[in-house]
Protein backbone atom coordinates (compact mmCIF):
# COMPACT_ATOMS: atom_id res chain seq x y z
CA MET A 1 -31.89 -44.66 -68.13
CA ILE A 2 -33.27 -41.38 -69.19
CA ARG A 3 -35.90 -43.36 -71.19
CA GLU A 4 -36.78 -45.56 -68.33
CA ALA A 5 -37.38 -42.46 -66.13
CA ALA A 6 -39.50 -40.87 -68.63
CA ILE A 7 -41.64 -43.93 -68.84
CA GLU A 8 -41.99 -44.20 -65.24
CA LEU A 9 -42.88 -40.42 -64.79
CA GLY A 10 -45.42 -40.85 -67.60
CA ALA A 11 -43.52 -38.75 -70.39
CA ALA A 12 -43.19 -41.56 -72.75
CA ARG A 13 -44.22 -44.99 -73.74
CA SER A 14 -41.83 -47.89 -73.68
CA THR A 15 -40.98 -49.36 -76.96
CA ASN A 16 -39.31 -52.50 -75.33
CA SER A 17 -41.88 -54.88 -74.74
CA LYS A 18 -39.71 -57.00 -72.69
CA LEU A 19 -38.85 -54.55 -70.18
CA ILE A 20 -42.42 -52.74 -69.38
CA PRO A 21 -45.13 -54.24 -71.53
CA ASP A 22 -48.09 -52.47 -72.36
CA GLY A 23 -50.74 -53.14 -69.62
CA GLY A 24 -48.26 -53.58 -67.09
CA GLU A 25 -48.05 -57.41 -67.50
CA ASP A 26 -44.51 -57.65 -66.42
CA CYS A 27 -44.58 -60.49 -63.88
CA VAL A 28 -41.15 -62.20 -64.17
CA ALA A 29 -40.64 -65.20 -61.88
CA THR A 30 -37.34 -64.99 -59.63
CA PRO A 31 -35.88 -68.42 -59.60
CA ASP A 32 -35.46 -70.29 -56.39
CA TRP A 33 -31.42 -70.59 -56.68
CA LEU A 34 -31.58 -66.64 -56.91
CA ALA A 35 -33.99 -66.16 -54.08
CA LYS A 36 -32.22 -68.30 -52.12
CA ALA A 37 -28.66 -66.39 -52.81
CA ILE A 38 -30.40 -63.03 -51.96
CA VAL A 39 -31.73 -64.18 -48.91
CA ALA A 40 -28.54 -65.85 -47.90
CA HIS A 41 -26.59 -62.63 -48.35
CA PHE A 42 -28.74 -59.83 -46.81
CA MET A 43 -29.97 -62.46 -43.85
CA PRO A 44 -33.53 -60.68 -43.38
CA CYS A 45 -34.95 -61.65 -39.82
CA GLY A 46 -38.12 -60.64 -37.83
CA ARG A 47 -41.16 -59.76 -39.93
CA ILE A 48 -40.65 -60.03 -43.50
CA LEU A 49 -43.02 -59.36 -46.31
CA GLU A 50 -42.74 -60.42 -50.10
CA PRO A 51 -45.23 -58.00 -51.97
CA CYS A 52 -44.99 -59.84 -55.20
CA ARG A 53 -45.24 -63.50 -54.25
CA GLY A 54 -45.54 -64.89 -57.97
CA GLY A 55 -44.33 -68.48 -57.83
CA GLY A 56 -43.12 -67.93 -54.10
CA ALA A 57 -39.13 -68.26 -54.39
CA PHE A 58 -38.48 -65.57 -51.87
CA LEU A 59 -40.94 -67.15 -49.60
CA ARG A 60 -39.35 -70.60 -49.60
CA ALA A 61 -36.01 -68.87 -49.13
CA PHE A 62 -36.67 -66.95 -46.15
CA PRO A 63 -35.67 -68.11 -42.52
CA LYS A 64 -38.09 -70.58 -41.05
CA ASN A 65 -37.69 -68.90 -37.52
CA CYS A 66 -39.26 -65.42 -38.90
CA GLU A 67 -42.76 -64.25 -39.34
CA CYS A 68 -43.10 -64.14 -43.31
CA GLY A 69 -46.23 -62.93 -45.17
CA SER A 70 -46.58 -62.06 -48.95
CA CYS A 71 -49.10 -60.13 -51.28
CA GLU A 72 -49.98 -61.14 -54.61
CA ILE A 73 -52.44 -58.73 -56.76
CA GLN A 74 -53.53 -61.89 -58.77
CA LYS A 75 -54.72 -63.54 -55.75
CA GLY A 76 -56.52 -60.45 -54.66
CA ARG A 77 -54.00 -58.86 -52.08
CA ASP A 78 -52.73 -55.67 -53.31
CA PHE A 79 -49.18 -54.70 -51.78
CA LEU A 80 -50.09 -51.04 -52.61
CA GLU A 81 -53.17 -51.17 -50.42
CA ALA A 82 -51.50 -53.30 -47.84
CA LYS A 83 -51.45 -52.07 -44.09
CA GLY A 84 -49.09 -53.01 -41.33
CA HIS A 85 -45.22 -52.62 -40.45
CA TRP A 86 -42.59 -55.26 -41.49
CA ASP A 87 -38.88 -55.24 -40.54
CA TRP A 88 -38.06 -56.25 -44.34
CA ILE A 89 -39.38 -56.11 -47.69
CA VAL A 90 -37.62 -58.55 -50.22
CA THR A 91 -39.35 -58.72 -53.44
CA ASN A 92 -38.67 -58.82 -57.42
CA PRO A 93 -41.08 -55.62 -58.02
CA PRO A 94 -42.89 -55.14 -61.51
CA CYS A 95 -40.91 -52.67 -63.68
CA SER A 96 -43.88 -50.87 -64.66
CA GLN A 97 -44.76 -50.31 -60.98
CA PHE A 98 -41.30 -49.80 -59.63
CA ARG A 99 -41.60 -46.53 -58.03
CA GLN A 100 -44.87 -47.22 -56.31
CA PHE A 101 -43.34 -50.26 -54.89
CA LEU A 102 -40.54 -48.46 -53.74
CA VAL A 103 -42.43 -45.57 -51.89
CA LYS A 104 -44.84 -48.06 -50.29
CA SER A 105 -41.98 -50.26 -49.17
CA MET A 106 -40.27 -47.54 -47.55
CA GLU A 107 -43.26 -46.43 -45.85
CA VAL A 108 -44.04 -50.06 -44.25
CA ALA A 109 -40.56 -51.30 -43.64
CA ASP A 110 -36.99 -50.46 -42.19
CA ASN A 111 -35.17 -52.66 -44.85
CA VAL A 112 -35.98 -52.99 -48.24
CA VAL A 113 -34.41 -55.40 -50.77
CA PHE A 114 -35.37 -55.13 -54.55
CA LEU A 115 -34.25 -57.43 -57.38
CA SER A 116 -33.64 -55.04 -60.29
CA LEU A 117 -31.40 -53.97 -62.93
CA ALA A 118 -28.60 -51.94 -61.14
CA ASN A 119 -28.83 -48.70 -62.99
CA ALA A 120 -32.45 -48.43 -61.92
CA TRP A 121 -31.26 -46.76 -58.53
CA PHE A 122 -29.49 -43.97 -60.36
CA VAL A 123 -32.70 -42.33 -61.61
CA ARG A 124 -32.68 -38.79 -59.99
CA ALA A 125 -36.56 -39.00 -58.92
CA ARG A 126 -35.96 -42.37 -57.31
CA GLN A 127 -32.94 -41.06 -55.44
CA GLU A 128 -35.07 -38.21 -54.24
CA ASP A 129 -37.68 -40.47 -53.08
CA ILE A 130 -35.21 -42.53 -50.99
CA ARG A 131 -33.86 -39.39 -49.55
CA GLN A 132 -37.16 -37.93 -48.47
CA ALA A 133 -38.22 -41.16 -47.05
CA GLY A 134 -35.36 -41.05 -44.68
CA PHE A 135 -33.52 -44.06 -46.40
CA GLY A 136 -30.13 -44.77 -47.92
CA LEU A 137 -28.66 -47.17 -50.24
CA VAL A 138 -26.54 -49.53 -48.28
CA GLU A 139 -25.66 -51.90 -51.03
CA LEU A 140 -25.89 -53.47 -54.58
CA PHE A 141 -25.33 -57.08 -54.55
CA ASP A 142 -24.38 -57.98 -58.16
CA VAL A 143 -26.19 -61.30 -59.12
CA PRO A 144 -26.17 -62.95 -62.22
CA MET A 145 -28.76 -62.88 -64.79
CA PRO A 146 -30.96 -65.94 -64.90
CA LYS A 147 -31.39 -67.41 -68.21
CA ALA A 148 -34.19 -67.18 -70.85
CA PRO A 149 -37.40 -66.91 -70.34
CA TRP A 150 -36.09 -64.19 -68.19
CA PRO A 151 -35.84 -61.03 -70.13
CA GLN A 152 -32.16 -60.78 -71.30
CA PHE A 153 -30.65 -57.27 -70.84
CA GLY A 154 -27.25 -56.02 -71.42
CA MET A 155 -27.04 -54.33 -68.03
CA THR A 156 -26.08 -55.63 -64.54
CA LEU A 157 -28.96 -57.52 -62.24
CA ALA A 158 -28.42 -56.44 -58.70
CA ALA A 159 -30.30 -56.88 -55.44
CA ALA A 160 -30.35 -53.45 -53.96
CA TRP A 161 -30.62 -52.91 -49.85
CA LEU A 162 -32.09 -49.65 -48.70
CA ARG A 163 -32.10 -49.19 -44.81
CA ARG A 164 -34.28 -46.39 -42.98
CA GLY A 165 -31.62 -44.13 -41.17
CA SER A 166 -28.71 -45.00 -43.62
CA PHE A 167 -28.02 -41.46 -44.94
CA ALA A 168 -24.28 -41.61 -44.89
CA SER A 169 -23.75 -45.18 -45.48
CA GLY A 170 -22.79 -44.72 -49.05
CA LEU A 171 -22.97 -47.42 -51.67
CA GLY A 172 -21.13 -50.66 -51.30
CA VAL A 173 -20.93 -53.01 -54.13
CA GLY A 174 -20.95 -56.91 -53.55
CA GLY A 175 -19.95 -59.55 -55.45
CA SER A 176 -21.85 -62.11 -57.54
CA ALA A 177 -23.76 -64.68 -56.25
């Protein structure tokens, strides 16, 4: 966790090319089954944005009666430049830009769900960003690690839900999908 924070803050370089490759090419497509499990668990509604569309698994999983949109930098739509407000952000953000995506997500949405390693939420700088933005970590939903070609880590994968104004909600840990 310390090394991950140092990499994020620019004080160190990654030696693990699978987690944060040089050049930021860390696009890892979410499988459809996992996107469906995450959406079914959190039940986002209203205006929903997927900032890292990739193969579109989250878009396919979103409720049909909601207003859903997406960004994908490789298709010319950079989330970090997006304007507007959404009820929910649901995504699998790039590890190399995790903090930037988190800060932007909290600027433009009231609920944020990120698929990430569970320990990613316990970096002090991220916790401070969350507090300063007026958000709280509501729940970590433990999900199974997809098989290769997904990078295989010895850490827990989770979908984390942050909500604006949830200062005293504490941390809930959900079961596996």
